[in-house]
Amino acid sequence: MPDPIFEALEQERQRLARLLEREVIESLQLMLAQAGVYEQTFVDNAQARLVISVLGKLTRDLLQQVRDLEASLHPAILDDVGLEAAFQTLAVQVRRTSGIQVQVVFGRGRLPLDRPVQIGLYRLVQGLIDGAGSEGHGSQVWLQLETGTEGVRVLYRDDRLITFNREPLRTEISTLEGWGGVFFWEQSADQFEMRLLIPARAALTPTEYRVLRLLVEGLSNKQIAVSMSISPRTVNFHLDNIYAKLGVNSRTEAVIFALNNHLLQRDPR
């Protein structure tokens, strides 16, 4: 299960992103619109138009920086499109803002990661890149993700010039370890490498999907048993399997997990 501290940090990041949108980005957009009006008003005053043009350029640059910060706090593309698109977008943003060259490679196969794991992995890579550039004076990052029979394998490599410090990423690492992630770290004088294996989660059976669907609909164990023409004891057996496969401990956690990760959309029935 995710680290509660990590979940709280993620909620705070999203709150700050909303605050930036409401209090800063909208104001900067209004300033740009007003600058355009002023530029047209002073059409015959070259000096005034030049000043307004310079201010407009500075405002646009600031707006882009704030948008980058907002995207860093809340990568909406991760929810809208998925992890692959989020990493590609991050690579473009890093190249534009810091000059670090980020190469992202995806192997064949879909990345079967639940949303909390995707967020944890994204934050980890984001932090690794930031540490490589801001403190490590690195210029090259290479990231590869691929799906195998054992799960999802992640290979991260950069050319930082300082020793990697895990402490700033302790929460992200702990979160991924909580989901079964196994880390391997290597560092030489001119290269840092992280390898991570996130084990595949056992798939629910069609019967377990049906039990989970009825659980989400709010049925009690006895009602599920009647609906499926099985005994309450069998329902408990299926629920125990569902909890183990999802990594949860209660009906409420199972329902929340299923809704957050769109599990019922994968229902094979």
C-alpha atoms as a PDB file:
ATOM      1  CA  MET A   1       0.000   0.000   0.000  1.00  0.00           C
ATOM      2  CA  PRO A   2       1.136   3.582  -0.600  1.00  0.00           C
ATOM      3  CA  ASP A   3       2.887   5.483   2.157  1.00  0.00           C
ATOM      4  CA  PRO A   4       0.351   7.829   3.865  1.00  0.00           C
ATOM      5  CA  ILE A   5       3.027  10.534   3.893  1.00  0.00           C
ATOM      6  CA  PHE A   6       3.431  10.173   0.135  1.00  0.00           C
ATOM      7  CA  GLU A   7      -0.331  10.444  -0.379  1.00  0.00           C
ATOM      8  CA  ALA A   8      -0.453  13.580   1.788  1.00  0.00           C
ATOM      9  CA  LEU A   9       2.428  15.133  -0.170  1.00  0.00           C
ATOM     10  CA  GLU A  10       0.668  14.363  -3.438  1.00  0.00           C
ATOM     11  CA  GLN A  11      -2.542  16.003  -2.242  1.00  0.00           C
ATOM     12  CA  GLU A  12      -0.579  19.085  -1.186  1.00  0.00           C
ATOM     13  CA  ARG A  13       1.137  19.256  -4.591  1.00  0.00           C
ATOM     14  CA  GLN A  14      -2.243  19.190  -6.300  1.00  0.00           C
ATOM     15  CA  ARG A  15      -3.556  21.900  -3.978  1.00  0.00           C
ATOM     16  CA  LEU A  16      -0.584  24.135  -4.796  1.00  0.00           C
ATOM     17  CA  ALA A  17      -1.067  23.484  -8.518  1.00  0.00           C
ATOM     18  CA  ARG A  18      -4.700  24.594  -8.285  1.00  0.00           C
ATOM     19  CA  LEU A  19      -3.593  27.665  -6.344  1.00  0.00           C
ATOM     20  CA  LEU A  20      -1.061  28.564  -9.047  1.00  0.00           C
ATOM     21  CA  GLU A  21      -3.725  28.225 -11.726  1.00  0.00           C
ATOM     22  CA  ARG A  22      -6.243  30.349  -9.864  1.00  0.00           C
ATOM     23  CA  GLU A  23      -4.021  33.017  -8.328  1.00  0.00           C
ATOM     24  CA  VAL A  24      -1.041  33.345 -10.685  1.00  0.00           C
ATOM     25  CA  ILE A  25      -1.624  31.891 -14.143  1.00  0.00           C
ATOM     26  CA  GLU A  26      -4.997  33.558 -14.633  1.00  0.00           C
ATOM     27  CA  SER A  27      -3.528  36.908 -13.529  1.00  0.00           C
ATOM     28  CA  LEU A  28      -0.593  36.594 -15.934  1.00  0.00           C
ATOM     29  CA  GLN A  29      -2.947  35.733 -18.783  1.00  0.00           C
ATOM     30  CA  LEU A  30      -4.975  38.843 -17.970  1.00  0.00           C
ATOM     31  CA  MET A  31      -1.786  40.945 -17.976  1.00  0.00           C
ATOM     32  CA  LEU A  32      -0.851  39.614 -21.419  1.00  0.00           C
ATOM     33  CA  ALA A  33      -4.292  40.399 -22.782  1.00  0.00           C
ATOM     34  CA  GLN A  34      -4.109  43.911 -21.354  1.00  0.00           C
ATOM     35  CA  ALA A  35      -0.613  44.404 -22.791  1.00  0.00           C
ATOM     36  CA  GLY A  36      -1.984  43.551 -26.229  1.00  0.00           C
ATOM     37  CA  VAL A  37      -4.655  46.217 -25.852  1.00  0.00           C
ATOM     38  CA  TYR A  38      -2.100  48.820 -24.733  1.00  0.00           C
ATOM     39  CA  GLU A  39       0.184  47.953 -27.646  1.00  0.00           C
ATOM     40  CA  GLN A  40      -2.629  48.711 -30.066  1.00  0.00           C
ATOM     41  CA  THR A  41      -3.504  51.903 -28.190  1.00  0.00           C
ATOM     42  CA  PHE A  42       0.041  53.291 -28.561  1.00  0.00           C
ATOM     43  CA  VAL A  43       0.311  52.400 -32.227  1.00  0.00           C
ATOM     44  CA  ASP A  44       1.917  55.785 -33.015  1.00  0.00           C
ATOM     45  CA  ASN A  45       4.305  55.784 -30.033  1.00  0.00           C
ATOM     46  CA  ALA A  46       7.281  53.583 -30.901  1.00  0.00           C
ATOM     47  CA  GLN A  47       8.956  53.923 -27.495  1.00  0.00           C
ATOM     48  CA  ALA A  48       5.811  52.985 -25.585  1.00  0.00           C
ATOM     49  CA  ARG A  49       5.199  50.025 -27.909  1.00  0.00           C
ATOM     50  CA  LEU A  50       8.762  48.836 -27.317  1.00  0.00           C
ATOM     51  CA  VAL A  51       8.351  49.004 -23.541  1.00  0.00           C
ATOM     52  CA  ILE A  52       5.034  47.143 -23.718  1.00  0.00           C
ATOM     53  CA  SER A  53       6.544  44.546 -26.044  1.00  0.00           C
ATOM     54  CA  VAL A  54       9.429  43.899 -23.641  1.00  0.00           C
ATOM     55  CA  LEU A  55       7.055  43.630 -20.687  1.00  0.00           C
ATOM     56  CA  GLY A  56       4.885  41.261 -22.696  1.00  0.00           C
ATOM     57  CA  LYS A  57       7.878  39.060 -23.479  1.00  0.00           C
ATOM     58  CA  LEU A  58       8.899  38.961 -19.814  1.00  0.00           C
ATOM     59  CA  THR A  59       5.336  38.106 -18.818  1.00  0.00           C
ATOM     60  CA  ARG A  60       5.121  35.283 -21.377  1.00  0.00           C
ATOM     61  CA  ASP A  61       8.414  33.855 -20.126  1.00  0.00           C
ATOM     62  CA  LEU A  62       7.187  34.044 -16.542  1.00  0.00           C
ATOM     63  CA  LEU A  63       3.889  32.433 -17.536  1.00  0.00           C
ATOM     64  CA  GLN A  64       5.755  29.517 -19.113  1.00  0.00           C
ATOM     65  CA  GLN A  65       7.857  29.065 -15.978  1.00  0.00           C
ATOM     66  CA  VAL A  66       4.750  29.033 -13.800  1.00  0.00           C
ATOM     67  CA  ARG A  67       3.055  26.542 -16.129  1.00  0.00           C
ATOM     68  CA  ASP A  68       6.131  24.319 -15.887  1.00  0.00           C
ATOM     69  CA  LEU A  69       5.927  24.528 -12.108  1.00  0.00           C
ATOM     70  CA  GLU A  70       2.216  23.706 -12.190  1.00  0.00           C
ATOM     71  CA  ALA A  71       2.864  20.692 -14.439  1.00  0.00           C
ATOM     72  CA  SER A  72       5.646  19.582 -12.112  1.00  0.00           C
ATOM     73  CA  LEU A  73       3.339  19.749  -9.102  1.00  0.00           C
ATOM     74  CA  HIS A  74       0.410  18.103 -10.877  1.00  0.00           C
ATOM     75  CA  PRO A  75       1.249  16.240 -14.108  1.00  0.00           C
ATOM     76  CA  ALA A  76      -2.333  16.062 -15.376  1.00  0.00           C
ATOM     77  CA  ILE A  77      -1.176  14.193 -18.475  1.00  0.00           C
ATOM     78  CA  LEU A  78      -0.376  11.235 -16.215  1.00  0.00           C
ATOM     79  CA  ASP A  79      -4.077  10.854 -15.410  1.00  0.00           C
ATOM     80  CA  ASP A  80      -5.340  11.816 -18.862  1.00  0.00           C
ATOM     81  CA  VAL A  81      -3.023   9.814 -21.140  1.00  0.00           C
ATOM     82  CA  GLY A  82      -0.729   7.647 -19.022  1.00  0.00           C
ATOM     83  CA  LEU A  83       2.799   7.136 -17.772  1.00  0.00           C
ATOM     84  CA  GLU A  84       4.494   6.910 -21.171  1.00  0.00           C
ATOM     85  CA  ALA A  85       3.147  10.279 -22.319  1.00  0.00           C
ATOM     86  CA  ALA A  86       3.952  11.796 -18.916  1.00  0.00           C
ATOM     87  CA  PHE A  87       7.609  10.744 -19.144  1.00  0.00           C
ATOM     88  CA  GLN A  88       7.893  11.989 -22.737  1.00  0.00           C
ATOM     89  CA  THR A  89       6.443  15.343 -21.695  1.00  0.00           C
ATOM     90  CA  LEU A  90       8.797  15.494 -18.706  1.00  0.00           C
ATOM     91  CA  ALA A  91      11.761  14.850 -21.023  1.00  0.00           C
ATOM     92  CA  VAL A  92      10.758  17.754 -23.277  1.00  0.00           C
ATOM     93  CA  GLN A  93      10.245  20.061 -20.293  1.00  0.00           C
ATOM     94  CA  VAL A  94      13.615  19.157 -18.750  1.00  0.00           C
ATOM     95  CA  ARG A  95      15.451  19.760 -22.028  1.00  0.00           C
ATOM     96  CA  ARG A  96      13.767  23.142 -22.411  1.00  0.00           C
ATOM     97  CA  THR A  97      14.299  24.363 -18.855  1.00  0.00           C
ATOM     98  CA  SER A  98      17.697  22.914 -17.920  1.00  0.00           C
ATOM     99  CA  GLY A  99      19.325  21.696 -21.121  1.00  0.00           C
ATOM    100  CA  ILE A 100      19.631  18.132 -19.816  1.00  0.00           C
ATOM    101  CA  GLN A 101      19.164  15.610 -22.617  1.00  0.00           C
ATOM    102  CA  VAL A 102      16.642  12.984 -21.535  1.00  0.00           C
ATOM    103  CA  GLN A 103      16.133   9.860 -23.629  1.00  0.00           C
ATOM    104  CA  VAL A 104      13.070   7.767 -22.812  1.00  0.00           C
ATOM    105  CA  VAL A 105      12.681   4.254 -24.231  1.00  0.00           C
ATOM    106  CA  PHE A 106       9.660   1.999 -23.771  1.00  0.00           C
ATOM    107  CA  GLY A 107       9.796  -1.703 -24.499  1.00  0.00           C
ATOM    108  CA  ARG A 108       6.950  -3.683 -25.950  1.00  0.00           C
ATOM    109  CA  GLY A 109       3.828  -4.267 -23.957  1.00  0.00           C
ATOM    110  CA  ARG A 110       1.549  -2.123 -21.857  1.00  0.00           C
ATOM    111  CA  LEU A 111       2.809  -0.997 -18.457  1.00  0.00           C
ATOM    112  CA  PRO A 112       0.411  -2.806 -16.063  1.00  0.00           C
ATOM    113  CA  LEU A 113       0.890  -0.427 -13.151  1.00  0.00           C
ATOM    114  CA  ASP A 114      -1.829   0.857 -10.867  1.00  0.00           C
ATOM    115  CA  ARG A 115      -2.201   4.589 -10.490  1.00  0.00           C
ATOM    116  CA  PRO A 116      -0.444   4.954  -7.088  1.00  0.00           C
ATOM    117  CA  VAL A 117       2.553   3.046  -8.467  1.00  0.00           C
ATOM    118  CA  GLN A 118       2.624   5.205 -11.595  1.00  0.00           C
ATOM    119  CA  ILE A 119       2.622   8.366  -9.484  1.00  0.00           C
ATOM    120  CA  GLY A 120       5.361   7.012  -7.217  1.00  0.00           C
ATOM    121  CA  LEU A 121       7.521   6.034 -10.186  1.00  0.00           C
ATOM    122  CA  TYR A 122       6.970   9.382 -11.891  1.00  0.00           C
ATOM    123  CA  ARG A 123       7.945  11.290  -8.739  1.00  0.00           C
ATOM    124  CA  LEU A 124      11.029   9.122  -8.280  1.00  0.00           C
ATOM    125  CA  VAL A 125      12.288   9.726 -11.826  1.00  0.00           C
ATOM    126  CA  GLN A 126      11.417  13.411 -11.545  1.00  0.00           C
ATOM    127  CA  GLY A 127      13.505  13.651  -8.375  1.00  0.00           C
ATOM    128  CA  LEU A 128      16.403  11.689  -9.865  1.00  0.00           C
ATOM    129  CA  ILE A 129      16.569  14.003 -12.879  1.00  0.00           C
ATOM    130  CA  ASP A 130      16.388  17.078 -10.671  1.00  0.00           C
ATOM    131  CA  GLY A 131      19.231  15.783  -8.494  1.00  0.00           C
ATOM    132  CA  ALA A 132      21.340  14.896 -11.511  1.00  0.00           C
ATOM    133  CA  GLY A 133      21.058  18.401 -12.919  1.00  0.00           C
ATOM    134  CA  SER A 134      20.747  20.872 -10.054  1.00  0.00           C
ATOM    135  CA  GLU A 135      23.343  19.280  -7.776  1.00  0.00           C
ATOM    136  CA  GLY A 136      25.136  16.651  -9.817  1.00  0.00           C
ATOM    137  CA  HIS A 137      26.059  18.804 -12.839  1.00  0.00           C
ATOM    138  CA  GLY A 138      24.835  16.032 -15.131  1.00  0.00           C
ATOM    139  CA  SER A 139      23.825  16.550 -18.751  1.00  0.00           C
ATOM    140  CA  GLN A 140      22.551  13.149 -19.920  1.00  0.00           C
ATOM    141  CA  VAL A 141      19.699  10.975 -18.648  1.00  0.00           C
ATOM    142  CA  TRP A 142      18.560   7.627 -20.033  1.00  0.00           C
ATOM    143  CA  LEU A 143      15.326   5.956 -18.936  1.00  0.00           C
ATOM    144  CA  GLN A 144      13.974   2.605 -20.088  1.00  0.00           C
ATOM    145  CA  LEU A 145      10.784   0.833 -19.045  1.00  0.00           C
ATOM    146  CA  GLU A 146       9.673  -2.577 -20.231  1.00  0.00           C
ATOM    147  CA  THR A 147       7.168  -5.225 -19.261  1.00  0.00           C
ATOM    148  CA  GLY A 148       8.241  -8.827 -18.707  1.00  0.00           C
ATOM    149  CA  THR A 149       6.887 -11.945 -17.095  1.00  0.00           C
ATOM    150  CA  GLU A 150       8.212 -10.840 -13.699  1.00  0.00           C
ATOM    151  CA  GLY A 151       6.677  -7.382 -13.876  1.00  0.00           C
ATOM    152  CA  VAL A 152       7.846  -3.945 -14.977  1.00  0.00           C
ATOM    153  CA  ARG A 153      11.583  -3.320 -15.189  1.00  0.00           C
ATOM    154  CA  VAL A 154      12.887   0.239 -14.942  1.00  0.00           C
ATOM    155  CA  LEU A 155      16.439   1.261 -15.834  1.00  0.00           C
ATOM    156  CA  TYR A 156      17.552   4.811 -15.066  1.00  0.00           C
ATOM    157  CA  ARG A 157      21.040   6.151 -15.797  1.00  0.00           C
ATOM    158  CA  ASP A 158      22.658   9.602 -15.651  1.00  0.00           C
ATOM    159  CA  ASP A 159      26.136  11.148 -15.665  1.00  0.00           C
ATOM    160  CA  ARG A 160      26.003  13.033 -12.355  1.00  0.00           C
ATOM    161  CA  LEU A 161      29.342  13.933 -10.801  1.00  0.00           C
ATOM    162  CA  ILE A 162      28.349  13.562  -7.154  1.00  0.00           C
ATOM    163  CA  THR A 163      27.352  10.609  -4.984  1.00  0.00           C
ATOM    164  CA  PHE A 164      23.639   9.847  -5.087  1.00  0.00           C
ATOM    165  CA  ASN A 165      21.803  10.758  -1.884  1.00  0.00           C
ATOM    166  CA  ARG A 166      18.635   8.736  -1.280  1.00  0.00           C
ATOM    167  CA  GLU A 167      17.345  10.884   1.574  1.00  0.00           C
ATOM    168  CA  PRO A 168      15.456  13.504  -0.521  1.00  0.00           C
ATOM    169  CA  LEU A 169      13.642  10.638  -2.289  1.00  0.00           C
ATOM    170  CA  ARG A 170      13.104   8.500   0.790  1.00  0.00           C
ATOM    171  CA  THR A 171       9.298   8.791   0.627  1.00  0.00           C
ATOM    172  CA  GLU A 172       9.113   7.876  -3.067  1.00  0.00           C
ATOM    173  CA  ILE A 173      11.463   4.915  -2.596  1.00  0.00           C
ATOM    174  CA  SER A 174       9.523   3.724   0.450  1.00  0.00           C
ATOM    175  CA  THR A 175       6.244   3.957  -1.460  1.00  0.00           C
ATOM    176  CA  LEU A 176       7.503   1.827  -4.344  1.00  0.00           C
ATOM    177  CA  GLU A 177       9.038  -0.677  -1.930  1.00  0.00           C
ATOM    178  CA  GLY A 178       5.645  -0.857  -0.244  1.00  0.00           C
ATOM    179  CA  TRP A 179       4.223  -2.027  -3.561  1.00  0.00           C
ATOM    180  CA  GLY A 180       6.864  -4.747  -3.819  1.00  0.00           C
ATOM    181  CA  GLY A 181       9.475  -2.778  -5.762  1.00  0.00           C
ATOM    182  CA  VAL A 182      13.064  -4.050  -5.558  1.00  0.00           C
ATOM    183  CA  PHE A 183      15.880  -1.535  -6.102  1.00  0.00           C
ATOM    184  CA  PHE A 184      19.475  -1.974  -7.259  1.00  0.00           C
ATOM    185  CA  TRP A 185      21.872   0.971  -7.158  1.00  0.00           C
ATOM    186  CA  GLU A 186      25.279   1.363  -8.792  1.00  0.00           C
ATOM    187  CA  GLN A 187      27.572   4.363  -9.075  1.00  0.00           C
ATOM    188  CA  SER A 188      30.984   5.012 -10.570  1.00  0.00           C
ATOM    189  CA  ALA A 189      33.007   8.201 -10.919  1.00  0.00           C
ATOM    190  CA  ASP A 190      30.997   9.405 -13.906  1.00  0.00           C
ATOM    191  CA  GLN A 191      27.770   7.399 -13.932  1.00  0.00           C
ATOM    192  CA  PHE A 192      24.839   6.639 -11.650  1.00  0.00           C
ATOM    193  CA  GLU A 193      22.462   3.772 -12.366  1.00  0.00           C
ATOM    194  CA  MET A 194      19.223   2.615 -10.773  1.00  0.00           C
ATOM    195  CA  ARG A 195      17.445  -0.603 -11.635  1.00  0.00           C
ATOM    196  CA  LEU A 196      13.970  -1.257 -10.309  1.00  0.00           C
ATOM    197  CA  LEU A 197      11.698  -4.275 -10.618  1.00  0.00           C
ATOM    198  CA  ILE A 198       8.026  -3.754  -9.847  1.00  0.00           C
ATOM    199  CA  PRO A 199       6.517  -7.252  -9.639  1.00  0.00           C
ATOM    200  CA  ALA A 200       3.391  -8.029 -11.615  1.00  0.00           C
ATOM    201  CA  ARG A 201       0.215  -8.096  -9.545  1.00  0.00           C
ATOM    202  CA  ALA A 202      -1.766 -11.301  -9.857  1.00  0.00           C
ATOM    203  CA  ALA A 203      -4.815 -10.796 -12.066  1.00  0.00           C
ATOM    204  CA  LEU A 204      -8.322 -11.213 -10.692  1.00  0.00           C
ATOM    205  CA  THR A 205     -10.320 -14.156 -11.955  1.00  0.00           C
ATOM    206  CA  PRO A 206     -13.697 -13.534 -13.687  1.00  0.00           C
ATOM    207  CA  THR A 207     -15.473 -14.629 -10.497  1.00  0.00           C
ATOM    208  CA  GLU A 208     -13.375 -12.260  -8.391  1.00  0.00           C
ATOM    209  CA  TYR A 209     -14.169  -9.430 -10.791  1.00  0.00           C
ATOM    210  CA  ARG A 210     -17.872 -10.133 -10.338  1.00  0.00           C
ATOM    211  CA  VAL A 211     -17.548 -10.172  -6.552  1.00  0.00           C
ATOM    212  CA  LEU A 212     -15.606  -6.906  -6.690  1.00  0.00           C
ATOM    213  CA  ARG A 213     -18.231  -5.307  -8.929  1.00  0.00           C
ATOM    214  CA  LEU A 214     -21.011  -6.234  -6.490  1.00  0.00           C
ATOM    215  CA  LEU A 215     -18.844  -4.975  -3.637  1.00  0.00           C
ATOM    216  CA  VAL A 216     -18.468  -1.610  -5.365  1.00  0.00           C
ATOM    217  CA  GLU A 217     -22.249  -1.517  -5.874  1.00  0.00           C
ATOM    218  CA  GLY A 218     -22.608  -1.668  -2.094  1.00  0.00           C
ATOM    219  CA  LEU A 219     -23.912  -5.197  -1.602  1.00  0.00           C
ATOM    220  CA  SER A 220     -23.256  -7.017   1.664  1.00  0.00           C
ATOM    221  CA  ASN A 221     -21.594 -10.412   1.768  1.00  0.00           C
ATOM    222  CA  LYS A 222     -24.979 -12.089   2.184  1.00  0.00           C
ATOM    223  CA  GLN A 223     -26.440 -10.161  -0.755  1.00  0.00           C
ATOM    224  CA  ILE A 224     -23.424 -11.052  -2.917  1.00  0.00           C
ATOM    225  CA  ALA A 225     -23.903 -14.704  -1.999  1.00  0.00           C
ATOM    226  CA  VAL A 226     -27.572 -14.610  -3.032  1.00  0.00           C
ATOM    227  CA  SER A 227     -26.806 -12.742  -6.264  1.00  0.00           C
ATOM    228  CA  MET A 228     -24.128 -15.251  -7.276  1.00  0.00           C
ATOM    229  CA  SER A 229     -25.871 -18.349  -5.872  1.00  0.00           C
ATOM    230  CA  ILE A 230     -22.911 -19.192  -3.658  1.00  0.00           C
ATOM    231  CA  SER A 231     -22.447 -19.463   0.097  1.00  0.00           C
ATOM    232  CA  PRO A 232     -21.344 -16.524   2.285  1.00  0.00           C
ATOM    233  CA  ARG A 233     -18.272 -18.576   3.175  1.00  0.00           C
ATOM    234  CA  THR A 234     -17.330 -18.736  -0.515  1.00  0.00           C
ATOM    235  CA  VAL A 235     -17.824 -14.982  -0.768  1.00  0.00           C
ATOM    236  CA  ASN A 236     -15.375 -14.513   2.118  1.00  0.00           C
ATOM    237  CA  PHE A 237     -12.904 -16.793   0.336  1.00  0.00           C
ATOM    238  CA  HIS A 238     -13.095 -14.683  -2.831  1.00  0.00           C
ATOM    239  CA  LEU A 239     -12.810 -11.454  -0.838  1.00  0.00           C
ATOM    240  CA  ASP A 240      -9.660 -12.703   0.890  1.00  0.00           C
ATOM    241  CA  ASN A 241      -8.135 -13.431  -2.526  1.00  0.00           C
ATOM    242  CA  ILE A 242      -9.178 -10.020  -3.844  1.00  0.00           C
ATOM    243  CA  TYR A 243      -7.673  -8.218  -0.838  1.00  0.00           C
ATOM    244  CA  ALA A 244      -4.402 -10.115  -1.229  1.00  0.00           C
ATOM    245  CA  LYS A 245      -4.132  -9.415  -4.953  1.00  0.00           C
ATOM    246  CA  LEU A 246      -4.967  -5.725  -4.578  1.00  0.00           C
ATOM    247  CA  GLY A 247      -2.810  -5.262  -1.491  1.00  0.00           C
ATOM    248  CA  VAL A 248      -5.671  -3.923   0.635  1.00  0.00           C
ATOM    249  CA  ASN A 249      -7.088  -4.893   4.013  1.00  0.00           C
ATOM    250  CA  SER A 250     -10.790  -4.053   3.957  1.00  0.00           C
ATOM    251  CA  ARG A 251     -13.939  -3.697   1.854  1.00  0.00           C
ATOM    252  CA  THR A 252     -13.592   0.079   1.855  1.00  0.00           C
ATOM    253  CA  GLU A 253      -9.977  -0.031   0.679  1.00  0.00           C
ATOM    254  CA  ALA A 254     -10.907  -2.522  -2.054  1.00  0.00           C
ATOM    255  CA  VAL A 255     -13.707  -0.288  -3.336  1.00  0.00           C
ATOM    256  CA  ILE A 256     -11.510   2.822  -3.319  1.00  0.00           C
ATOM    257  CA  PHE A 257      -8.693   0.948  -5.055  1.00  0.00           C
ATOM    258  CA  ALA A 258     -11.042  -0.427  -7.722  1.00  0.00           C
ATOM    259  CA  LEU A 259     -12.522   2.997  -8.471  1.00  0.00           C
ATOM    260  CA  ASN A 260      -9.203   4.867  -8.468  1.00  0.00           C
ATOM    261  CA  ASN A 261      -7.581   2.329 -10.783  1.00  0.00           C
ATOM    262  CA  HIS A 262     -10.584   1.721 -13.050  1.00  0.00           C
ATOM    263  CA  LEU A 263     -10.397  -2.009 -12.374  1.00  0.00           C
ATOM    264  CA  LEU A 264     -13.987  -2.645 -13.358  1.00  0.00           C
ATOM    265  CA  GLN A 265     -13.249  -1.349 -16.851  1.00  0.00           C
ATOM    266  CA  ARG A 266     -10.995  -4.400 -17.209  1.00  0.00           C
ATOM    267  CA  ASP A 267     -13.796  -6.771 -16.150  1.00  0.00           C
ATOM    268  CA  PRO A 268     -13.545  -9.686 -18.617  1.00  0.00           C
ATOM    269  CA  ARG A 269     -17.192 -10.692 -18.298  1.00  0.00           C
END
